[in-house]
C-alpha atoms as a PDB file:
ATOM      1  CA  MET A   1      22.254 -47.837  17.669  1.00  0.00           C
ATOM      2  CA  HIS A   2      23.897 -50.649  15.691  1.00  0.00           C
ATOM      3  CA  ILE A   3      27.260 -51.697  17.108  1.00  0.00           C
ATOM      4  CA  GLY A   4      30.124 -54.046  16.276  1.00  0.00           C
ATOM      5  CA  ARG A   5      33.448 -55.112  17.711  1.00  0.00           C
ATOM      6  CA  SER A   6      35.373 -55.254  14.411  1.00  0.00           C
ATOM      7  CA  PHE A   7      37.221 -52.191  13.172  1.00  0.00           C
ATOM      8  CA  ASP A   8      35.833 -52.047   9.628  1.00  0.00           C
ATOM      9  CA  GLY A   9      32.190 -53.011  10.049  1.00  0.00           C
ATOM     10  CA  PRO A  10      30.592 -56.311  10.979  1.00  0.00           C
ATOM     11  CA  GLY A  11      33.061 -59.142  11.254  1.00  0.00           C
ATOM     12  CA  HIS A  12      33.768 -62.532  12.769  1.00  0.00           C
ATOM     13  CA  VAL A  13      32.755 -61.400  16.277  1.00  0.00           C
ATOM     14  CA  GLU A  14      29.229 -60.599  15.113  1.00  0.00           C
ATOM     15  CA  ALA A  15      29.195 -63.731  12.966  1.00  0.00           C
ATOM     16  CA  THR A  16      29.706 -66.021  15.939  1.00  0.00           C
ATOM     17  CA  CYS A  17      27.718 -64.329  18.698  1.00  0.00           C
ATOM     18  CA  PRO A  18      24.116 -65.221  19.621  1.00  0.00           C
ATOM     19  CA  CYS A  19      22.791 -61.668  19.204  1.00  0.00           C
ATOM     20  CA  PRO A  20      20.226 -61.092  16.440  1.00  0.00           C
ATOM     21  CA  LEU A  21      21.764 -59.100  13.597  1.00  0.00           C
ATOM     22  CA  ALA A  22      20.451 -55.863  12.134  1.00  0.00           C
ATOM     23  CA  PRO A  23      20.147 -55.678   8.314  1.00  0.00           C
ATOM     24  CA  CYS A  24      23.665 -54.180   8.199  1.00  0.00           C
ATOM     25  CA  GLY A  25      25.188 -57.161  10.022  1.00  0.00           C
ATOM     26  CA  LEU A  26      25.851 -55.266  13.249  1.00  0.00           C
ATOM     27  CA  VAL A  27      24.021 -55.811  16.546  1.00  0.00           C
ATOM     28  CA  ASP A  28      21.144 -53.546  17.576  1.00  0.00           C
ATOM     29  CA  THR A  29      21.751 -52.256  21.115  1.00  0.00           C
ATOM     30  CA  ASP A  30      18.020 -52.652  21.851  1.00  0.00           C
ATOM     31  CA  ASP A  31      18.174 -56.378  21.015  1.00  0.00           C
ATOM     32  CA  VAL A  32      21.407 -57.618  22.639  1.00  0.00           C
ATOM     33  CA  ASP A  33      21.399 -61.220  23.893  1.00  0.00           C
ATOM     34  CA  GLU A  34      22.536 -61.261  27.530  1.00  0.00           C
ATOM     35  CA  ALA A  35      24.253 -64.626  26.927  1.00  0.00           C
ATOM     36  CA  CYS A  36      26.589 -62.939  24.445  1.00  0.00           C
ATOM     37  CA  GLU A  37      30.192 -62.519  25.589  1.00  0.00           C
ATOM     38  CA  GLN A  38      30.806 -59.498  23.342  1.00  0.00           C
ATOM     39  CA  HIS A  39      27.990 -56.951  23.042  1.00  0.00           C
ATOM     40  CA  PRO A  40      26.160 -56.452  26.381  1.00  0.00           C
ATOM     41  CA  PRO A  41      27.363 -53.291  28.155  1.00  0.00           C
ATOM     42  CA  THR A  42      27.994 -55.359  31.297  1.00  0.00           C
ATOM     43  CA  ARG A  43      30.807 -57.216  29.475  1.00  0.00           C
ATOM     44  CA  CYS A  44      32.765 -53.943  29.161  1.00  0.00           C
ATOM     45  CA  LYS A  45      34.124 -54.782  25.695  1.00  0.00           C
ATOM     46  CA  THR A  46      35.369 -52.136  23.279  1.00  0.00           C
ATOM     47  CA  ILE A  47      32.848 -51.265  20.567  1.00  0.00           C
ATOM     48  CA  ARG A  48      34.807 -50.350  17.452  1.00  0.00           C
ATOM     49  CA  THR A  49      32.171 -49.568  14.868  1.00  0.00           C
ATOM     50  CA  GLY A  50      28.576 -48.444  14.768  1.00  0.00           C
ATOM     51  CA  HIS A  51      25.950 -46.134  13.398  1.00  0.00           C
ATOM     52  CA  PRO A  52      22.504 -44.880  14.444  1.00  0.00           C
ATOM     53  CA  ALA A  53      19.697 -47.320  13.627  1.00  0.00           C
ATOM     54  CA  ASP A  54      17.945 -44.693  11.500  1.00  0.00           C
ATOM     55  CA  ALA A  55      21.102 -44.329   9.361  1.00  0.00           C
ATOM     56  CA  CYS A  56      21.502 -48.082   8.786  1.00  0.00           C
ATOM     57  CA  PRO A  57      22.699 -48.860   5.230  1.00  0.00           C
ATOM     58  CA  GLY A  58      20.579 -52.018   5.319  1.00  0.00           C
ATOM     59  CA  THR A  59      23.095 -54.299   3.630  1.00  0.00           C
ATOM     60  CA  GLY A  60      25.832 -56.568   4.932  1.00  0.00           C
ATOM     61  CA  ARG A  61      23.896 -59.089   7.015  1.00  0.00           C
ATOM     62  CA  ALA A  62      24.230 -61.862   4.391  1.00  0.00           C
ATOM     63  CA  VAL A  63      28.027 -61.562   4.454  1.00  0.00           C
ATOM     64  CA  VAL A  64      28.098 -61.812   8.244  1.00  0.00           C
ATOM     65  CA  VAL A  65      25.811 -64.857   8.170  1.00  0.00           C
ATOM     66  CA  ALA A  66      28.118 -66.484   5.600  1.00  0.00           C
ATOM     67  CA  MET A  67      31.131 -65.649   7.779  1.00  0.00           C
ATOM     68  CA  GLY A  68      29.368 -67.341  10.696  1.00  0.00           C
ATOM     69  CA  LYS A  69      28.834 -70.493   8.648  1.00  0.00           C
ATOM     70  CA  THR A  70      32.497 -70.461   7.590  1.00  0.00           C
ATOM     71  CA  GLU A  71      33.622 -70.000  11.185  1.00  0.00           C
ATOM     72  CA  ALA A  72      31.357 -72.857  12.357  1.00  0.00           C
ATOM     73  CA  ALA A  73      32.687 -75.177   9.632  1.00  0.00           C
ATOM     74  CA  HIS A  74      36.260 -74.214  10.564  1.00  0.00           C
ATOM     75  CA  GLN A  75      35.592 -75.073  14.206  1.00  0.00           C
ATOM     76  CA  ALA A  76      33.900 -78.356  13.232  1.00  0.00           C
ATOM     77  CA  VAL A  77      37.028 -79.441  11.332  1.00  0.00           C
ATOM     78  CA  ILE A  78      39.223 -78.561  14.306  1.00  0.00           C
ATOM     79  CA  ASP A  79      36.902 -80.443  16.688  1.00  0.00           C
ATOM     80  CA  ALA A  80      36.938 -83.474  14.391  1.00  0.00           C
ATOM     81  CA  ALA A  81      40.732 -83.363  14.201  1.00  0.00           C
ATOM     82  CA  ALA A  82      40.975 -83.264  17.998  1.00  0.00           C
ATOM     83  CA  MET A  83      38.848 -86.439  18.150  1.00  0.00           C
ATOM     84  CA  GLY A  84      37.664 -85.844  21.679  1.00  0.00           C
ATOM     85  CA  GLU A  85      41.015 -84.730  23.057  1.00  0.00           C
ATOM     86  CA  SER A  86      41.194 -81.658  25.256  1.00  0.00           C
ATOM     87  CA  ALA A  87      41.449 -78.229  23.667  1.00  0.00           C
ATOM     88  CA  GLY A  88      44.863 -77.366  22.336  1.00  0.00           C
ATOM     89  CA  THR A  89      45.834 -80.891  21.287  1.00  0.00           C
ATOM     90  CA  VAL A  90      45.310 -80.291  17.567  1.00  0.00           C
ATOM     91  CA  ASN A  91      48.311 -80.222  15.246  1.00  0.00           C
ATOM     92  CA  PHE A  92      48.797 -76.523  14.466  1.00  0.00           C
ATOM     93  CA  SER A  93      49.588 -77.229  10.815  1.00  0.00           C
ATOM     94  CA  LEU A  94      45.845 -77.869  10.464  1.00  0.00           C
ATOM     95  CA  PHE A  95      45.179 -74.126  10.841  1.00  0.00           C
ATOM     96  CA  GLY A  96      47.426 -73.255   7.911  1.00  0.00           C
ATOM     97  CA  ALA A  97      45.904 -76.014   5.814  1.00  0.00           C
ATOM     98  CA  LEU A  98      42.396 -74.734   6.532  1.00  0.00           C
ATOM     99  CA  ASP A  99      43.394 -71.183   5.615  1.00  0.00           C
ATOM    100  CA  ASP A 100      45.007 -72.398   2.384  1.00  0.00           C
ATOM    101  CA  TYR A 101      41.914 -74.414   1.524  1.00  0.00           C
ATOM    102  CA  ARG A 102      39.619 -71.439   2.131  1.00  0.00           C
ATOM    103  CA  ALA A 103      41.831 -69.184  -0.011  1.00  0.00           C
ATOM    104  CA  ALA A 104      41.774 -71.778  -2.815  1.00  0.00           C
ATOM    105  CA  VAL A 105      37.970 -72.044  -2.680  1.00  0.00           C
ATOM    106  CA  GLU A 106      37.606 -68.247  -2.739  1.00  0.00           C
ATOM    107  CA  HIS A 107      40.023 -68.022  -5.662  1.00  0.00           C
ATOM    108  CA  GLU A 108      38.066 -70.700  -7.539  1.00  0.00           C
ATOM    109  CA  ALA A 109      34.792 -68.832  -6.936  1.00  0.00           C
ATOM    110  CA  ALA A 110      36.307 -65.581  -8.244  1.00  0.00           C
ATOM    111  CA  GLU A 111      37.712 -67.362 -11.302  1.00  0.00           C
ATOM    112  CA  ARG A 112      34.318 -68.942 -12.037  1.00  0.00           C
ATOM    113  CA  ILE A 113      32.624 -65.536 -11.878  1.00  0.00           C
ATOM    114  CA  ARG A 114      35.180 -64.026 -14.254  1.00  0.00           C
ATOM    115  CA  GLU A 115      35.191 -66.979 -16.672  1.00  0.00           C
ATOM    116  CA  ASP A 116      31.404 -67.071 -16.817  1.00  0.00           C
ATOM    117  CA  SER A 117      31.398 -63.697 -18.565  1.00  0.00           C
ATOM    118  CA  TRP A 118      30.798 -65.396 -21.933  1.00  0.00           C
ATOM    119  CA  SER A 119      27.369 -66.548 -20.774  1.00  0.00           C
ATOM    120  CA  ARG A 120      26.505 -62.881 -20.241  1.00  0.00           C
ATOM    121  CA  ARG A 121      27.310 -61.840 -23.822  1.00  0.00           C
ATOM    122  CA  ASP A 122      25.100 -61.614 -26.865  1.00  0.00           C
ATOM    123  CA  ARG A 123      25.813 -63.497 -30.094  1.00  0.00           C
ATOM    124  CA  TRP A 124      28.297 -60.809 -31.239  1.00  0.00           C
ATOM    125  CA  GLY A 125      30.372 -61.086 -28.060  1.00  0.00           C
ATOM    126  CA  ARG A 126      29.090 -57.858 -26.506  1.00  0.00           C
ATOM    127  CA  TYR A 127      27.891 -57.716 -22.928  1.00  0.00           C
ATOM    128  CA  GLU A 128      24.134 -57.469 -22.716  1.00  0.00           C
ATOM    129  CA  ASN A 129      24.398 -55.262 -19.636  1.00  0.00           C
ATOM    130  CA  GLU A 130      27.693 -53.422 -19.115  1.00  0.00           C
ATOM    131  CA  GLN A 131      26.801 -52.292 -15.589  1.00  0.00           C
ATOM    132  CA  ARG A 132      25.970 -55.828 -14.507  1.00  0.00           C
ATOM    133  CA  GLU A 133      29.248 -57.068 -15.971  1.00  0.00           C
ATOM    134  CA  ALA A 134      31.178 -54.376 -14.104  1.00  0.00           C
ATOM    135  CA  GLY A 135      29.383 -55.457 -10.918  1.00  0.00           C
ATOM    136  CA  GLN A 136      30.271 -59.102 -11.521  1.00  0.00           C
ATOM    137  CA  CYS A 137      33.936 -58.200 -12.051  1.00  0.00           C
ATOM    138  CA  HIS A 138      33.910 -56.046  -8.921  1.00  0.00           C
ATOM    139  CA  GLY A 139      32.393 -58.964  -7.008  1.00  0.00           C
ATOM    140  CA  ALA A 140      35.179 -61.247  -8.197  1.00  0.00           C
ATOM    141  CA  ASP A 141      37.718 -58.621  -7.088  1.00  0.00           C
ATOM    142  CA  LEU A 142      36.137 -58.514  -3.624  1.00  0.00           C
ATOM    143  CA  ILE A 143      36.275 -62.299  -3.312  1.00  0.00           C
ATOM    144  CA  ASP A 144      39.867 -62.578  -4.500  1.00  0.00           C
ATOM    145  CA  PRO A 145      41.765 -59.387  -5.414  1.00  0.00           C
ATOM    146  CA  GLU A 146      44.530 -61.460  -7.061  1.00  0.00           C
ATOM    147  CA  VAL A 147      42.273 -62.663  -9.882  1.00  0.00           C
ATOM    148  CA  PRO A 148      43.532 -60.916 -13.039  1.00  0.00           C
END
């Protein structure tokens, strides 16, 4: 069984825990790390999503790994801002600034994907592969739904 603590599939909980991830980004119940604070049955935490291992969609792990890197970078900035002070001594406006920065970077990435569409056209301005172009546009929508 592959399990997760987020409501809509693998999320930040799986991204930051020490458990090895299944190809879908969830945690395999047969491979739970006992040091984890979230997934071992002895922790008595609510499991909110899951599927049988034999019905695993096999995709999603890369997103969870990227989320883990984002979460680690976020924490590193907060730790640097605290400069050795005890937890909770960081100016809370830093959290909003980090969220704004992340949103701006995501928006820029979506814009770059959309604007790069000319490199995927032939000399008459037609897309060489319509399905790939639709996938690229869908990807940009997933990154930042507000991109026109």
